[in-house]
C-alpha atoms as a PDB file:
ATOM      1  CA  MET A   1      87.367 118.792  68.458  1.00  0.00           C
ATOM      2  CA  LEU A   2      86.582 115.303  67.177  1.00  0.00           C
ATOM      3  CA  GLY A   3      87.671 116.350  63.701  1.00  0.00           C
ATOM      4  CA  GLU A   4      90.979 117.675  65.029  1.00  0.00           C
ATOM      5  CA  CYS A   5      91.676 114.389  66.796  1.00  0.00           C
ATOM      6  CA  HIS A   6      90.859 112.512  63.600  1.00  0.00           C
ATOM      7  CA  LEU A   7      93.359 114.594  61.637  1.00  0.00           C
ATOM      8  CA  LEU A   8      96.068 114.030  64.237  1.00  0.00           C
ATOM      9  CA  LEU A   9      95.562 110.273  64.138  1.00  0.00           C
ATOM     10  CA  ASN A  10      95.584 110.199  60.343  1.00  0.00           C
ATOM     11  CA  ASN A  11      99.068 111.705  60.333  1.00  0.00           C
ATOM     12  CA  PHE A  12     100.393 109.561  63.168  1.00  0.00           C
ATOM     13  CA  VAL A  13     102.416 106.458  62.266  1.00  0.00           C
ATOM     14  CA  MET A  14     103.364 103.894  64.895  1.00  0.00           C
ATOM     15  CA  GLN A  15     105.507 101.656  62.655  1.00  0.00           C
ATOM     16  CA  THR A  16     106.550 102.627  59.148  1.00  0.00           C
ATOM     17  CA  ASP A  17     106.780  99.015  57.981  1.00  0.00           C
ATOM     18  CA  VAL A  18     103.379  97.880  59.348  1.00  0.00           C
ATOM     19  CA  SER A  19     100.004  98.987  57.986  1.00  0.00           C
ATOM     20  CA  ASP A  20      97.340 100.173  60.410  1.00  0.00           C
ATOM     21  CA  ARG A  21      94.397  97.817  60.849  1.00  0.00           C
ATOM     22  CA  TRP A  22      91.472  97.095  63.157  1.00  0.00           C
ATOM     23  CA  GLN A  23      92.126  94.311  65.628  1.00  0.00           C
ATOM     24  CA  TRP A  24      89.721  92.319  67.874  1.00  0.00           C
ATOM     25  CA  LEU A  25      91.705  92.057  71.102  1.00  0.00           C
ATOM     26  CA  PRO A  26      89.934  88.979  72.599  1.00  0.00           C
ATOM     27  CA  ASP A  27      91.045  86.960  69.524  1.00  0.00           C
ATOM     28  CA  THR A  28      93.806  88.596  67.516  1.00  0.00           C
ATOM     29  CA  VAL A  29      94.186  85.526  65.280  1.00  0.00           C
ATOM     30  CA  GLY A  30      90.622  84.551  64.383  1.00  0.00           C
ATOM     31  CA  GLY A  31      89.238  88.080  64.538  1.00  0.00           C
ATOM     32  CA  TYR A  32      85.823  89.360  65.562  1.00  0.00           C
ATOM     33  CA  THR A  33      82.758  87.098  65.724  1.00  0.00           C
ATOM     34  CA  VAL A  34      79.274  87.829  67.020  1.00  0.00           C
ATOM     35  CA  ARG A  35      79.456  84.714  69.225  1.00  0.00           C
ATOM     36  CA  GLU A  36      82.612  85.888  70.997  1.00  0.00           C
ATOM     37  CA  ALA A  37      81.225  89.404  71.422  1.00  0.00           C
ATOM     38  CA  TYR A  38      78.070  87.974  73.028  1.00  0.00           C
ATOM     39  CA  GLN A  39      80.096  85.764  75.372  1.00  0.00           C
ATOM     40  CA  LEU A  40      82.255  88.714  76.374  1.00  0.00           C
ATOM     41  CA  LEU A  41      79.283  90.965  77.108  1.00  0.00           C
ATOM     42  CA  THR A  42      77.342  88.362  79.076  1.00  0.00           C
ATOM     43  CA  TYR A  43      80.413  87.380  81.066  1.00  0.00           C
ATOM     44  CA  GLN A  44      81.160  90.971  82.076  1.00  0.00           C
ATOM     45  CA  SER A  45      77.588  91.773  83.079  1.00  0.00           C
ATOM     46  CA  ALA A  46      76.973  88.623  85.079  1.00  0.00           C
ATOM     47  CA  PRO A  47      78.740  88.576  88.411  1.00  0.00           C
ATOM     48  CA  MET A  48      79.684  92.178  89.221  1.00  0.00           C
ATOM     49  CA  ILE A  49      81.492  90.552  92.130  1.00  0.00           C
ATOM     50  CA  ASP A  50      83.310  92.647  94.676  1.00  0.00           C
ATOM     51  CA  ALA A  51      82.836  92.870  98.428  1.00  0.00           C
ATOM     52  CA  THR A  52      79.261  94.014  97.834  1.00  0.00           C
ATOM     53  CA  GLY A  53      78.612  91.542  95.038  1.00  0.00           C
ATOM     54  CA  GLU A  54      79.235  88.645  97.401  1.00  0.00           C
ATOM     55  CA  LEU A  55      76.305  89.847  99.496  1.00  0.00           C
ATOM     56  CA  VAL A  56      73.792  89.730  96.677  1.00  0.00           C
ATOM     57  CA  SER A  57      74.926  86.676  94.712  1.00  0.00           C
ATOM     58  CA  HIS A  58      72.421  83.852  95.233  1.00  0.00           C
ATOM     59  CA  LYS A  59      72.014  80.811  92.983  1.00  0.00           C
ATOM     60  CA  GLN A  60      68.221  80.732  93.427  1.00  0.00           C
ATOM     61  CA  VAL A  61      67.701  84.409  92.614  1.00  0.00           C
ATOM     62  CA  PRO A  62      67.487  85.809  89.056  1.00  0.00           C
ATOM     63  CA  LEU A  63      70.571  87.723  87.987  1.00  0.00           C
ATOM     64  CA  LYS A  64      68.627  90.926  87.342  1.00  0.00           C
ATOM     65  CA  VAL A  65      67.546  90.943  90.998  1.00  0.00           C
ATOM     66  CA  SER A  66      71.119  90.545  92.250  1.00  0.00           C
ATOM     67  CA  ILE A  67      72.256  93.353  89.959  1.00  0.00           C
ATOM     68  CA  LEU A  68      69.518  95.615  91.304  1.00  0.00           C
ATOM     69  CA  ALA A  69      70.563  94.846  94.896  1.00  0.00           C
ATOM     70  CA  TRP A  70      74.207  95.472  93.995  1.00  0.00           C
ATOM     71  CA  ARG A  71      73.290  98.875  92.603  1.00  0.00           C
ATOM     72  CA  LEU A  72      71.267  99.599  95.735  1.00  0.00           C
ATOM     73  CA  LEU A  73      74.150  98.807  98.094  1.00  0.00           C
ATOM     74  CA  GLN A  74      76.421 100.961  95.926  1.00  0.00           C
ATOM     75  CA  ASP A  75      73.820 103.771  95.999  1.00  0.00           C
ATOM     76  CA  ARG A  76      73.583 103.708  92.213  1.00  0.00           C
ATOM     77  CA  LEU A  77      69.847 103.382  91.790  1.00  0.00           C
ATOM     78  CA  PRO A  78      68.141 106.316  90.025  1.00  0.00           C
ATOM     79  CA  THR A  79      66.257 107.476  93.099  1.00  0.00           C
ATOM     80  CA  LYS A  80      64.935 111.012  92.977  1.00  0.00           C
ATOM     81  CA  PHE A  81      67.700 112.237  95.277  1.00  0.00           C
ATOM     82  CA  ASN A  82      70.392 110.690  93.093  1.00  0.00           C
ATOM     83  CA  LEU A  83      68.801 112.208  89.996  1.00  0.00           C
ATOM     84  CA  PHE A  84      68.838 115.573  91.763  1.00  0.00           C
ATOM     85  CA  ARG A  85      72.552 115.165  92.546  1.00  0.00           C
ATOM     86  CA  ARG A  86      73.123 114.514  88.840  1.00  0.00           C
ATOM     87  CA  ARG A  87      71.158 117.693  88.018  1.00  0.00           C
ATOM     88  CA  ILE A  88      68.429 115.741  86.246  1.00  0.00           C
ATOM     89  CA  LEU A  89      65.687 116.733  88.706  1.00  0.00           C
ATOM     90  CA  GLN A  90      65.035 119.977  90.517  1.00  0.00           C
ATOM     91  CA  GLN A  91      65.183 120.030  94.306  1.00  0.00           C
ATOM     92  CA  ALA A  92      61.430 120.532  94.471  1.00  0.00           C
ATOM     93  CA  ASP A  93      60.928 117.181  92.717  1.00  0.00           C
ATOM     94  CA  VAL A  94      62.885 114.898  95.047  1.00  0.00           C
ATOM     95  CA  THR A  95      60.192 114.089  97.607  1.00  0.00           C
ATOM     96  CA  CYS A  96      59.295 110.430  98.068  1.00  0.00           C
ATOM     97  CA  VAL A  97      56.608 109.136  95.758  1.00  0.00           C
ATOM     98  CA  ALA A  98      54.793 107.614  98.746  1.00  0.00           C
ATOM     99  CA  GLY A  99      53.850 111.128  99.846  1.00  0.00           C
ATOM    100  CA  CYS A 100      55.648 111.033 103.192  1.00  0.00           C
ATOM    101  CA  GLY A 101      57.320 114.394 102.553  1.00  0.00           C
ATOM    102  CA  PHE A 102      60.949 113.247 102.815  1.00  0.00           C
ATOM    103  CA  ASP A 103      63.595 113.213 100.099  1.00  0.00           C
ATOM    104  CA  GLU A 104      63.646 109.962  98.171  1.00  0.00           C
ATOM    105  CA  SER A 105      67.119 108.619  98.881  1.00  0.00           C
ATOM    106  CA  ALA A 106      67.816 104.897  98.723  1.00  0.00           C
ATOM    107  CA  THR A 107      68.118 104.672 102.503  1.00  0.00           C
ATOM    108  CA  HIS A 108      64.828 106.473 103.006  1.00  0.00           C
ATOM    109  CA  LEU A 109      62.947 104.471 100.385  1.00  0.00           C
ATOM    110  CA  PHE A 110      64.010 101.036 101.612  1.00  0.00           C
ATOM    111  CA  LEU A 111      64.430 101.628 105.358  1.00  0.00           C
ATOM    112  CA  HIS A 112      62.547 104.683 106.588  1.00  0.00           C
ATOM    113  CA  CYS A 113      59.584 105.363 104.303  1.00  0.00           C
ATOM    114  CA  ALA A 114      56.394 104.662 106.266  1.00  0.00           C
ATOM    115  CA  TYR A 115      54.914 102.795 103.297  1.00  0.00           C
ATOM    116  CA  PHE A 116      57.717 101.053 101.400  1.00  0.00           C
ATOM    117  CA  SER A 117      59.934 100.086 104.343  1.00  0.00           C
ATOM    118  CA  SER A 118      57.027  98.388 106.119  1.00  0.00           C
ATOM    119  CA  ILE A 119      57.496  95.407 103.814  1.00  0.00           C
ATOM    120  CA  TRP A 120      60.294  94.147 106.083  1.00  0.00           C
ATOM    121  CA  GLN A 121      58.006  93.974 109.102  1.00  0.00           C
ATOM    122  CA  HIS A 122      55.318  92.260 107.040  1.00  0.00           C
ATOM    123  CA  ILE A 123      57.851  89.624 105.978  1.00  0.00           C
ATOM    124  CA  ARG A 124      58.921  89.112 109.605  1.00  0.00           C
ATOM    125  CA  ASN A 125      55.294  88.775 110.658  1.00  0.00           C
ATOM    126  CA  TRP A 126      54.790  86.134 107.962  1.00  0.00           C
ATOM    127  CA  LEU A 127      57.766  84.188 109.323  1.00  0.00           C
ATOM    128  CA  GLY A 128      56.696  84.682 112.936  1.00  0.00           C
ATOM    129  CA  ILE A 129      59.854  86.494 114.005  1.00  0.00           C
ATOM    130  CA  SER A 130      60.565  89.942 115.433  1.00  0.00           C
ATOM    131  CA  GLY A 131      63.169  92.578 114.669  1.00  0.00           C
ATOM    132  CA  VAL A 132      63.892  96.208 113.915  1.00  0.00           C
ATOM    133  CA  ASP A 133      65.444  97.882 110.906  1.00  0.00           C
ATOM    134  CA  PRO A 134      68.920  99.498 111.274  1.00  0.00           C
ATOM    135  CA  PHE A 135      69.835 102.854 109.761  1.00  0.00           C
ATOM    136  CA  THR A 136      72.091 101.688 106.913  1.00  0.00           C
ATOM    137  CA  LEU A 137      71.384  99.291 104.077  1.00  0.00           C
ATOM    138  CA  HIS A 138      74.479  97.158 104.690  1.00  0.00           C
ATOM    139  CA  ASP A 139      73.574  96.769 108.372  1.00  0.00           C
ATOM    140  CA  HIS A 140      70.012  95.953 107.384  1.00  0.00           C
ATOM    141  CA  PHE A 141      71.200  93.212 105.050  1.00  0.00           C
ATOM    142  CA  PHE A 142      73.364  91.559 107.714  1.00  0.00           C
ATOM    143  CA  GLN A 143      70.779  91.819 110.447  1.00  0.00           C
ATOM    144  CA  PHE A 144      67.916  90.580 108.270  1.00  0.00           C
ATOM    145  CA  THR A 145      69.814  87.628 106.819  1.00  0.00           C
ATOM    146  CA  ASN A 146      70.892  86.457 110.287  1.00  0.00           C
ATOM    147  CA  SER A 147      67.571  87.088 112.040  1.00  0.00           C
ATOM    148  CA  ILE A 148      66.513  83.413 112.250  1.00  0.00           C
ATOM    149  CA  GLY A 149      69.916  81.897 112.967  1.00  0.00           C
ATOM    150  CA  MET A 150      73.439  81.600 111.667  1.00  0.00           C
ATOM    151  CA  SER A 151      73.217  78.279 109.822  1.00  0.00           C
ATOM    152  CA  ARG A 152      73.944  78.413 106.114  1.00  0.00           C
ATOM    153  CA  LYS A 153      70.456  77.219 105.155  1.00  0.00           C
ATOM    154  CA  ARG A 154      68.738  79.819 107.314  1.00  0.00           C
ATOM    155  CA  ARG A 155      70.927  82.668 106.094  1.00  0.00           C
ATOM    156  CA  SER A 156      70.441  81.610 102.471  1.00  0.00           C
ATOM    157  CA  PHE A 157      66.661  81.724 102.804  1.00  0.00           C
ATOM    158  CA  MET A 158      66.677  85.106 104.537  1.00  0.00           C
ATOM    159  CA  GLN A 159      69.072  86.441 101.911  1.00  0.00           C
ATOM    160  CA  LEU A 160      66.617  85.320  99.237  1.00  0.00           C
ATOM    161  CA  LEU A 161      63.787  87.140 101.027  1.00  0.00           C
ATOM    162  CA  TRP A 162      65.890  90.285 101.416  1.00  0.00           C
ATOM    163  CA  LEU A 163      66.635  90.323  97.692  1.00  0.00           C
ATOM    164  CA  MET A 164      62.973  89.690  97.024  1.00  0.00           C
ATOM    165  CA  GLY A 165      61.971  92.618  99.247  1.00  0.00           C
ATOM    166  CA  VAL A 166      64.373  94.934  97.417  1.00  0.00           C
ATOM    167  CA  TRP A 167      63.006  93.819  94.044  1.00  0.00           C
ATOM    168  CA  ILE A 168      59.381  94.262  95.114  1.00  0.00           C
ATOM    169  CA  VAL A 169      59.944  97.708  96.642  1.00  0.00           C
ATOM    170  CA  TRP A 170      61.793  99.082  93.630  1.00  0.00           C
ATOM    171  CA  ASN A 171      59.249  97.786  91.133  1.00  0.00           C
ATOM    172  CA  GLU A 172      56.366  99.118  93.205  1.00  0.00           C
ATOM    173  CA  ARG A 173      58.121 102.474  93.438  1.00  0.00           C
ATOM    174  CA  ASN A 174      58.463 102.546  89.637  1.00  0.00           C
ATOM    175  CA  ASN A 175      54.821 101.562  89.187  1.00  0.00           C
ATOM    176  CA  LYS A 176      53.851 104.523  91.330  1.00  0.00           C
ATOM    177  CA  VAL A 177      56.197 106.979  89.585  1.00  0.00           C
ATOM    178  CA  PHE A 178      55.578 106.008  85.975  1.00  0.00           C
ATOM    179  CA  LYS A 179      52.107 104.439  85.989  1.00  0.00           C
ATOM    180  CA  ASN A 180      50.493 106.037  89.043  1.00  0.00           C
ATOM    181  CA  ILE A 181      49.717 102.532  90.327  1.00  0.00           C
ATOM    182  CA  GLN A 182      49.846 101.787  94.031  1.00  0.00           C
ATOM    183  CA  THR A 183      49.366  98.322  95.457  1.00  0.00           C
ATOM    184  CA  THR A 184      48.486  97.616  99.071  1.00  0.00           C
ATOM    185  CA  MET A 185      51.230  96.268 101.288  1.00  0.00           C
ATOM    186  CA  ILE A 186      49.202  93.091 101.785  1.00  0.00           C
ATOM    187  CA  ASP A 187      49.297  92.518  98.022  1.00  0.00           C
ATOM    188  CA  LEU A 188      53.044  93.173  97.974  1.00  0.00           C
ATOM    189  CA  LEU A 189      53.540  90.572 100.683  1.00  0.00           C
ATOM    190  CA  GLU A 190      51.563  88.135  98.543  1.00  0.00           C
ATOM    191  CA  LYS A 191      54.053  88.799  95.746  1.00  0.00           C
ATOM    192  CA  VAL A 192      56.912  88.037  98.129  1.00  0.00           C
ATOM    193  CA  LYS A 193      55.296  84.720  99.063  1.00  0.00           C
ATOM    194  CA  TYR A 194      54.482  83.730  95.515  1.00  0.00           C
ATOM    195  CA  HIS A 195      57.806  84.636  93.912  1.00  0.00           C
ATOM    196  CA  SER A 196      59.929  83.207  96.726  1.00  0.00           C
ATOM    197  CA  LEU A 197      58.100  79.869  96.313  1.00  0.00           C
ATOM    198  CA  TRP A 198      58.534  80.071  92.547  1.00  0.00           C
ATOM    199  CA  TRP A 199      62.270  80.803  92.830  1.00  0.00           C
ATOM    200  CA  LEU A 200      62.810  77.880  95.199  1.00  0.00           C
ATOM    201  CA  LYS A 201      60.807  75.428  93.077  1.00  0.00           C
ATOM    202  CA  ALA A 202      62.670  76.493  89.930  1.00  0.00           C
ATOM    203  CA  HIS A 203      65.928  75.218  91.456  1.00  0.00           C
ATOM    204  CA  ASN A 204      64.581  72.261  93.432  1.00  0.00           C
ATOM    205  CA  ALA A 205      62.556  69.664  91.537  1.00  0.00           C
ATOM    206  CA  ILE A 206      61.653  67.764  94.721  1.00  0.00           C
ATOM    207  CA  PHE A 207      60.265  70.809  96.532  1.00  0.00           C
ATOM    208  CA  VAL A 208      56.690  69.541  96.807  1.00  0.00           C
ATOM    209  CA  TYR A 209      55.023  72.147  98.993  1.00  0.00           C
ATOM    210  CA  GLY A 210      52.211  74.186  97.492  1.00  0.00           C
ATOM    211  CA  ASN A 211      50.798  77.605  98.162  1.00  0.00           C
ATOM    212  CA  HIS A 212      48.796  76.690 101.260  1.00  0.00           C
ATOM    213  CA  ASN A 213      51.731  75.166 103.157  1.00  0.00           C
ATOM    214  CA  TRP A 214      54.106  77.899 102.039  1.00  0.00           C
ATOM    215  CA  TRP A 215      51.735  80.685 102.992  1.00  0.00           C
ATOM    216  CA  SER A 216      51.156  79.108 106.425  1.00  0.00           C
ATOM    217  CA  ASN A 217      54.680  78.177 107.509  1.00  0.00           C
ATOM    218  CA  PRO A 218      57.576  78.601 105.056  1.00  0.00           C
ATOM    219  CA  LEU A 219      60.207  77.737 107.670  1.00  0.00           C
ATOM    220  CA  LEU A 220      58.552  74.366 108.302  1.00  0.00           C
ATOM    221  CA  CYS A 221      58.440  73.693 104.555  1.00  0.00           C
ATOM    222  CA  LEU A 222      62.194  74.267 104.404  1.00  0.00           C
ATOM    223  CA  GLY A 223      62.870  72.180 107.464  1.00  0.00           C
ATOM    224  CA  ILE A 224      64.324  75.068 109.434  1.00  0.00           C
ATOM    225  CA  ASP A 225      61.428  75.763 111.806  1.00  0.00           C
END
């Protein structure tokens, strides 16, 4: 079929007085350069901004984390259930890697799995707040990010922690699937504490609090206690 298309194009003439040629559309005058191709690719992959993208865009969070969260909210992560729907896995292979016996959908993995979803309660316990997890990921995002108040600073911090929780859960899930490694939830919470402090310090040179203060009372360190 490809050969037939090639033959058809070889015999097709758009303009008899103009020779066919390759053209780099972003710069039809200067032509193709590696620099422009790199800029084009990085620009297209960066924001992924739509109604969902606005939820996961955060200046203190690495881009790869925001992209992962965007894929999660679009249900485009390669969970076992999604791989089954794409006919990559058999139905017998879709059970959650945590061993809870349920199909590994995104909603189950992040909100209902007895092991993985417990990270949200551990984060709330660390902050000294209470709450429950809704049944949809979008509702969970909105409830979690507004759980300590509606001010911009409070919502920004909780958004950062939500993105962190998503990143930690997905990486731990992959460690279990591909490396047969399982970390305790206490250790995962330690990762949340460490990386959230690291992200904040990376974008705030005057953030002077160390591990002890951050581990004890992060809201006080941020001045939002």
